[in-house]
Amino acid sequence: MILKKELQYYSSLLTKKHRRTENKFIVEGKKSVLEGIHSKYECEIIFVTNKFSEDNNDMIVEMTKKKKKIEIIKQKDFQKLSDTETPPGIAAVFIKPKLEFSIDIISDDEILLCLIIFLTPETLVQS
């Protein structure tokens, strides 16, 4: 059972400010949630309504086998997490992967090309 405070936290992710500070985002809809689960993003939690759970029991069982945390919530609570007028009944919170940059992955030629573009873009047009 999800606490009211947790529901508030997850619904705050509907705003750009909180998505950026928490480094998480919400995805709605059956197809989008499945794509997210099979992607490189880490799934923190999946929310489903009672009706969705009953209509898609096989999907719920599959996600449980993959050790995904699933919360079944009331329709009115789900609407707090949804950004659509007619909520699909399923939403998931994903954690954005941290992007790491290493100078080792860029060759000297690529750096030189970047410098040429930034320093003298008009020379590229004349060539």
N, C-alpha and C. Protein backbone atom coordinates (compact mmCIF):
# COMPACT_ATOMS: atom_id res chain seq x y z
N MET A 1 0.85 -1.18 0.00
CA MET A 1 0.00 0.00 0.00
C MET A 1 0.89 1.24 0.00
N ILE A 2 0.60 2.14 -0.90
CA ILE A 2 1.40 3.35 -1.02
C ILE A 2 0.88 4.42 -0.05
N LEU A 3 1.80 5.10 0.57
CA LEU A 3 1.44 6.15 1.51
C LEU A 3 1.08 7.44 0.77
N LYS A 4 0.30 8.27 1.42
CA LYS A 4 -0.11 9.54 0.83
C LYS A 4 1.10 10.40 0.47
N LYS A 5 2.10 10.39 1.35
CA LYS A 5 3.32 11.18 1.13
C LYS A 5 4.08 10.68 -0.11
N GLU A 6 4.12 9.36 -0.29
CA GLU A 6 4.79 8.79 -1.47
C GLU A 6 4.05 9.17 -2.74
N LEU A 7 2.73 9.13 -2.67
CA LEU A 7 1.91 9.51 -3.82
C LEU A 7 2.16 10.97 -4.20
N GLN A 8 2.28 11.82 -3.20
CA GLN A 8 2.59 13.23 -3.43
C GLN A 8 3.96 13.37 -4.10
N TYR A 9 4.92 12.63 -3.60
CA TYR A 9 6.27 12.68 -4.17
C TYR A 9 6.25 12.30 -5.65
N TYR A 10 5.61 11.18 -5.96
CA TYR A 10 5.58 10.72 -7.35
C TYR A 10 4.78 11.66 -8.24
N SER A 11 3.71 12.24 -7.72
CA SER A 11 2.94 13.19 -8.53
C SER A 11 3.72 14.48 -8.77
N SER A 12 4.68 14.79 -7.90
CA SER A 12 5.51 15.98 -8.11
C SER A 12 6.40 15.82 -9.34
N LEU A 13 6.61 14.58 -9.77
CA LEU A 13 7.44 14.34 -10.96
C LEU A 13 6.74 14.77 -12.25
N LEU A 14 5.50 15.18 -12.15
CA LEU A 14 4.80 15.72 -13.32
C LEU A 14 5.34 17.09 -13.70
N THR A 15 6.03 17.74 -12.78
CA THR A 15 6.61 19.05 -13.08
C THR A 15 8.07 18.90 -13.52
N LYS A 16 8.46 19.73 -14.46
CA LYS A 16 9.81 19.67 -15.00
C LYS A 16 10.87 19.89 -13.91
N LYS A 17 10.58 20.80 -13.00
CA LYS A 17 11.52 21.12 -11.92
C LYS A 17 11.86 19.88 -11.10
N HIS A 18 10.84 19.14 -10.70
CA HIS A 18 11.07 17.95 -9.87
C HIS A 18 11.68 16.79 -10.66
N ARG A 19 11.31 16.68 -11.94
CA ARG A 19 11.94 15.63 -12.76
C ARG A 19 13.44 15.85 -12.85
N ARG A 20 13.84 17.10 -13.00
CA ARG A 20 15.27 17.40 -13.10
C ARG A 20 16.00 17.19 -11.77
N THR A 21 15.41 17.67 -10.68
CA THR A 21 16.10 17.55 -9.39
C THR A 21 16.18 16.10 -8.93
N GLU A 22 15.15 15.33 -9.19
CA GLU A 22 15.12 13.92 -8.75
C GLU A 22 15.75 12.97 -9.77
N ASN A 23 15.95 13.46 -11.00
CA ASN A 23 16.53 12.64 -12.06
C ASN A 23 15.65 11.42 -12.38
N LYS A 24 14.34 11.65 -12.36
CA LYS A 24 13.35 10.59 -12.63
C LYS A 24 12.26 11.16 -13.52
N PHE A 25 11.49 10.26 -14.14
CA PHE A 25 10.35 10.69 -14.95
C PHE A 25 9.26 9.63 -14.94
N ILE A 26 8.03 10.07 -15.27
CA ILE A 26 6.88 9.17 -15.29
C ILE A 26 6.50 8.87 -16.73
N VAL A 27 6.20 7.61 -16.99
CA VAL A 27 5.72 7.17 -18.30
C VAL A 27 4.34 6.57 -18.10
N GLU A 28 3.41 6.93 -18.99
CA GLU A 28 2.04 6.39 -18.90
C GLU A 28 1.71 5.54 -20.13
N GLY A 29 0.88 4.56 -19.92
CA GLY A 29 0.41 3.72 -21.02
C GLY A 29 1.11 2.37 -21.06
N LYS A 30 0.36 1.37 -21.46
CA LYS A 30 0.86 -0.01 -21.47
C LYS A 30 2.09 -0.17 -22.37
N LYS A 31 2.01 0.32 -23.59
CA LYS A 31 3.11 0.17 -24.54
C LYS A 31 4.36 0.91 -24.06
N SER A 32 4.19 2.14 -23.61
CA SER A 32 5.33 2.95 -23.16
C SER A 32 6.00 2.35 -21.93
N VAL A 33 5.20 1.83 -21.00
CA VAL A 33 5.77 1.22 -19.80
C VAL A 33 6.57 -0.03 -20.18
N LEU A 34 6.02 -0.85 -21.06
CA LEU A 34 6.74 -2.06 -21.50
C LEU A 34 8.05 -1.71 -22.20
N GLU A 35 8.02 -0.67 -23.05
CA GLU A 35 9.24 -0.23 -23.72
C GLU A 35 10.27 0.23 -22.69
N GLY A 36 9.82 0.96 -21.69
CA GLY A 36 10.72 1.45 -20.65
C GLY A 36 11.34 0.32 -19.85
N ILE A 37 10.56 -0.69 -19.55
CA ILE A 37 11.06 -1.84 -18.79
C ILE A 37 12.14 -2.58 -19.57
N HIS A 38 11.98 -2.65 -20.89
CA HIS A 38 12.95 -3.36 -21.72
C HIS A 38 14.09 -2.46 -22.18
N SER A 39 14.15 -1.24 -21.68
CA SER A 39 15.19 -0.30 -22.09
C SER A 39 16.32 -0.27 -21.06
N LYS A 40 17.24 0.68 -21.24
CA LYS A 40 18.37 0.82 -20.32
C LYS A 40 17.99 1.55 -19.04
N TYR A 41 16.77 2.10 -18.98
CA TYR A 41 16.35 2.85 -17.80
C TYR A 41 15.95 1.90 -16.67
N GLU A 42 16.25 2.30 -15.46
CA GLU A 42 15.89 1.51 -14.28
C GLU A 42 14.48 1.89 -13.85
N CYS A 43 13.62 0.91 -13.69
CA CYS A 43 12.24 1.14 -13.26
C CYS A 43 12.18 1.12 -11.74
N GLU A 44 11.73 2.23 -11.16
CA GLU A 44 11.65 2.32 -9.71
C GLU A 44 10.35 1.70 -9.19
N ILE A 45 9.24 2.02 -9.85
CA ILE A 45 7.94 1.53 -9.40
C ILE A 45 6.94 1.61 -10.55
N ILE A 46 5.97 0.71 -10.52
CA ILE A 46 4.89 0.71 -11.51
C ILE A 46 3.57 0.86 -10.76
N PHE A 47 2.74 1.77 -11.23
CA PHE A 47 1.43 1.98 -10.65
C PHE A 47 0.37 1.48 -11.62
N VAL A 48 -0.59 0.71 -11.10
CA VAL A 48 -1.71 0.26 -11.92
C VAL A 48 -3.00 0.44 -11.13
N THR A 49 -4.09 0.65 -11.86
CA THR A 49 -5.39 0.74 -11.21
C THR A 49 -5.94 -0.67 -11.02
N ASN A 50 -6.95 -0.79 -10.18
CA ASN A 50 -7.59 -2.09 -9.96
C ASN A 50 -8.12 -2.66 -11.28
N LYS A 51 -8.76 -1.81 -12.07
CA LYS A 51 -9.35 -2.24 -13.33
C LYS A 51 -8.26 -2.73 -14.30
N PHE A 52 -7.17 -1.98 -14.40
CA PHE A 52 -6.08 -2.39 -15.29
C PHE A 52 -5.50 -3.72 -14.84
N SER A 53 -5.35 -3.89 -13.55
CA SER A 53 -4.81 -5.12 -12.99
C SER A 53 -5.69 -6.33 -13.35
N GLU A 54 -6.99 -6.14 -13.24
CA GLU A 54 -7.92 -7.24 -13.57
C GLU A 54 -7.90 -7.56 -15.07
N ASP A 55 -7.85 -6.50 -15.90
CA ASP A 55 -7.90 -6.69 -17.36
C ASP A 55 -6.58 -7.19 -17.94
N ASN A 56 -5.47 -6.96 -17.26
CA ASN A 56 -4.15 -7.31 -17.78
C ASN A 56 -3.35 -8.13 -16.77
N ASN A 57 -3.97 -9.11 -16.20
CA ASN A 57 -3.35 -9.93 -15.16
C ASN A 57 -2.07 -10.60 -15.64
N ASP A 58 -2.05 -11.05 -16.91
CA ASP A 58 -0.86 -11.70 -17.45
C ASP A 58 0.34 -10.76 -17.47
N MET A 59 0.10 -9.50 -17.78
CA MET A 59 1.18 -8.50 -17.80
C MET A 59 1.70 -8.24 -16.38
N ILE A 60 0.79 -8.19 -15.42
CA ILE A 60 1.16 -7.96 -14.02
C ILE A 60 2.03 -9.13 -13.53
N VAL A 61 1.64 -10.34 -13.87
CA VAL A 61 2.40 -11.53 -13.47
C VAL A 61 3.80 -11.49 -14.08
N GLU A 62 3.88 -11.11 -15.37
CA GLU A 62 5.18 -11.03 -16.06
C GLU A 62 6.09 -10.00 -15.39
N MET A 63 5.55 -8.84 -15.05
CA MET A 63 6.35 -7.80 -14.41
C MET A 63 6.78 -8.20 -13.00
N THR A 64 5.92 -8.95 -12.31
CA THR A 64 6.26 -9.44 -10.97
C THR A 64 7.42 -10.42 -11.06
N LYS A 65 7.42 -11.27 -12.08
CA LYS A 65 8.51 -12.23 -12.28
C LYS A 65 9.83 -11.51 -12.53
N LYS A 66 9.76 -10.32 -13.15
CA LYS A 66 10.98 -9.53 -13.42
C LYS A 66 11.37 -8.69 -12.21
N LYS A 67 10.70 -8.96 -11.10
CA LYS A 67 11.00 -8.30 -9.82
C LYS A 67 10.81 -6.79 -9.87
N LYS A 68 9.75 -6.36 -10.54
CA LYS A 68 9.40 -4.95 -10.59
C LYS A 68 8.43 -4.66 -9.45
N LYS A 69 8.62 -3.54 -8.79
CA LYS A 69 7.74 -3.15 -7.69
C LYS A 69 6.45 -2.61 -8.31
N ILE A 70 5.33 -3.26 -7.98
CA ILE A 70 4.04 -2.87 -8.54
C ILE A 70 3.10 -2.46 -7.41
N GLU A 71 2.48 -1.31 -7.57
CA GLU A 71 1.49 -0.83 -6.61
C GLU A 71 0.13 -0.73 -7.30
N ILE A 72 -0.86 -1.40 -6.74
CA ILE A 72 -2.22 -1.29 -7.25
C ILE A 72 -2.91 -0.21 -6.44
N ILE A 73 -3.37 0.83 -7.15
CA ILE A 73 -3.97 1.98 -6.46
C ILE A 73 -5.36 2.28 -7.02
N LYS A 74 -6.11 3.09 -6.28
CA LYS A 74 -7.45 3.49 -6.70
C LYS A 74 -7.36 4.44 -7.88
N GLN A 75 -8.44 4.48 -8.67
CA GLN A 75 -8.50 5.33 -9.85
C GLN A 75 -8.27 6.80 -9.49
N LYS A 76 -8.87 7.26 -8.39
CA LYS A 76 -8.73 8.68 -8.01
C LYS A 76 -7.28 9.00 -7.62
N ASP A 77 -6.57 8.06 -7.01
CA ASP A 77 -5.15 8.26 -6.69
C ASP A 77 -4.30 8.23 -7.96
N PHE A 78 -4.69 7.37 -8.89
CA PHE A 78 -3.95 7.27 -10.15
C PHE A 78 -4.05 8.57 -10.94
N GLN A 79 -5.18 9.23 -10.87
CA GLN A 79 -5.36 10.50 -11.59
C GLN A 79 -4.39 11.57 -11.09
N LYS A 80 -3.95 11.46 -9.86
CA LYS A 80 -2.97 12.41 -9.33
C LYS A 80 -1.60 12.21 -9.98
N LEU A 81 -1.34 10.99 -10.46
CA LEU A 81 -0.07 10.67 -11.11
C LEU A 81 -0.12 10.87 -12.62
N SER A 82 -1.32 11.04 -13.15
CA SER A 82 -1.50 11.08 -14.59
C SER A 82 -1.52 12.50 -15.12
N ASP A 83 -1.00 12.64 -16.32
CA ASP A 83 -0.97 13.94 -16.98
C ASP A 83 -1.99 13.99 -18.12
N THR A 84 -2.80 12.93 -18.25
CA THR A 84 -3.77 12.86 -19.33
C THR A 84 -5.19 12.97 -18.79
N GLU A 85 -6.12 13.35 -19.67
CA GLU A 85 -7.52 13.49 -19.26
C GLU A 85 -8.16 12.14 -18.98
N THR A 86 -7.83 11.15 -19.79
CA THR A 86 -8.34 9.79 -19.57
C THR A 86 -7.17 8.87 -19.28
N PRO A 87 -6.83 8.72 -18.01
CA PRO A 87 -5.65 7.93 -17.63
C PRO A 87 -5.73 6.48 -18.12
N PRO A 88 -4.60 5.95 -18.61
CA PRO A 88 -4.58 4.60 -19.16
C PRO A 88 -4.62 3.48 -18.12
N GLY A 89 -4.40 3.81 -16.85
CA GLY A 89 -4.45 2.79 -15.80
C GLY A 89 -3.11 2.19 -15.44
N ILE A 90 -2.06 2.57 -16.16
CA ILE A 90 -0.71 2.10 -15.83
C ILE A 90 0.28 3.23 -16.04
N ALA A 91 1.19 3.36 -15.10
CA ALA A 91 2.26 4.35 -15.18
C ALA A 91 3.48 3.79 -14.45
N ALA A 92 4.64 4.23 -14.86
CA ALA A 92 5.87 3.77 -14.21
C ALA A 92 6.81 4.94 -14.02
N VAL A 93 7.60 4.85 -12.97
CA VAL A 93 8.62 5.87 -12.69
C VAL A 93 9.97 5.26 -13.04
N PHE A 94 10.71 5.97 -13.89
CA PHE A 94 12.03 5.52 -14.31
C PHE A 94 13.09 6.49 -13.84
N ILE A 95 14.27 5.94 -13.57
CA ILE A 95 15.41 6.74 -13.15
C ILE A 95 16.29 6.98 -14.37
N LYS A 96 16.63 8.24 -14.60
CA LYS A 96 17.50 8.57 -15.73
C LYS A 96 18.92 8.09 -15.42
N PRO A 97 19.58 7.46 -16.40
CA PRO A 97 20.96 7.05 -16.15
C PRO A 97 21.87 8.27 -16.10
N LYS A 98 22.89 8.18 -15.29
CA LYS A 98 23.85 9.28 -15.21
C LYS A 98 24.75 9.23 -16.43
N LEU A 99 24.86 10.36 -17.09
CA LEU A 99 25.72 10.44 -18.26
C LEU A 99 27.13 10.77 -17.82
N GLU A 100 28.03 9.96 -18.26
CA GLU A 100 29.43 10.19 -17.92
C GLU A 100 30.18 10.55 -19.19
N PHE A 101 31.00 11.56 -19.08
CA PHE A 101 31.78 12.00 -20.22
C PHE A 101 33.25 11.75 -19.95
N SER A 102 33.90 11.18 -20.91
CA SER A 102 35.33 10.94 -20.78
C SER A 102 36.02 11.46 -22.04
N ILE A 103 37.05 12.21 -21.87
CA ILE A 103 37.80 12.75 -23.00
C ILE A 103 38.46 11.62 -23.79
N ASP A 104 38.64 10.46 -23.17
CA ASP A 104 39.28 9.32 -23.83
C ASP A 104 38.44 8.77 -24.99
N ILE A 105 37.13 9.01 -24.95
CA ILE A 105 36.28 8.45 -26.01
C ILE A 105 36.29 9.28 -27.28
N ILE A 106 36.88 10.46 -27.22
CA ILE A 106 36.94 11.34 -28.39
C ILE A 106 38.36 11.31 -28.95
N SER A 107 38.45 11.11 -30.24
CA SER A 107 39.78 11.10 -30.86
C SER A 107 40.24 12.53 -31.12
N ASP A 108 41.52 12.69 -31.40
CA ASP A 108 42.08 14.01 -31.67
C ASP A 108 41.45 14.64 -32.90
N ASP A 109 41.11 13.84 -33.91
CA ASP A 109 40.49 14.37 -35.13
C ASP A 109 39.13 15.00 -34.84
N GLU A 110 38.35 14.36 -33.97
CA GLU A 110 37.03 14.90 -33.63
C GLU A 110 37.15 16.21 -32.86
N ILE A 111 38.13 16.31 -31.98
CA ILE A 111 38.34 17.55 -31.23
C ILE A 111 38.76 18.65 -32.19
N LEU A 112 39.63 18.35 -33.11
CA LEU A 112 40.10 19.33 -34.08
C LEU A 112 38.93 19.82 -34.93
N LEU A 113 38.09 18.92 -35.38
CA LEU A 113 36.94 19.29 -36.18
C LEU A 113 36.01 20.20 -35.40
N CYS A 114 35.77 19.89 -34.14
CA CYS A 114 34.93 20.73 -33.29
C CYS A 114 35.53 22.12 -33.15
N LEU A 115 36.81 22.20 -32.95
CA LEU A 115 37.47 23.50 -32.82
C LEU A 115 37.36 24.30 -34.10
N ILE A 116 37.52 23.66 -35.23
CA ILE A 116 37.40 24.36 -36.50
C ILE A 116 35.99 24.91 -36.67
N ILE A 117 35.00 24.13 -36.36
CA ILE A 117 33.61 24.57 -36.50
C ILE A 117 33.32 25.74 -35.59
N PHE A 118 33.79 25.68 -34.36
CA PHE A 118 33.49 26.76 -33.41
C PHE A 118 34.33 28.00 -33.66
N LEU A 119 35.54 27.82 -34.06
CA LEU A 119 36.43 28.97 -34.22
C LEU A 119 36.27 29.67 -35.57
N THR A 120 36.12 28.91 -36.64
CA THR A 120 36.05 29.52 -37.95
C THR A 120 34.96 28.87 -38.82
N PRO A 121 33.70 29.10 -38.51
CA PRO A 121 32.65 28.46 -39.31
C PRO A 121 32.60 28.97 -40.75
N GLU A 122 33.06 30.19 -41.01
CA GLU A 122 33.00 30.71 -42.36
C GLU A 122 33.96 29.98 -43.29
N THR A 123 35.03 29.40 -42.76
CA THR A 123 35.96 28.66 -43.63
C THR A 123 35.32 27.38 -44.15
N LEU A 124 34.42 26.83 -43.41
CA LEU A 124 33.74 25.62 -43.88
C LEU A 124 32.80 25.95 -45.04
N VAL A 125 32.19 27.11 -45.01
CA VAL A 125 31.27 27.52 -46.07
C VAL A 125 32.04 27.80 -47.36
N GLN A 126 33.23 28.39 -47.27
CA GLN A 126 34.03 28.73 -48.45
C GLN A 126 34.61 27.51 -49.12
N SER A 127 34.84 26.44 -48.38
CA SER A 127 35.50 25.25 -48.94
C SER A 127 34.68 24.51 -49.93
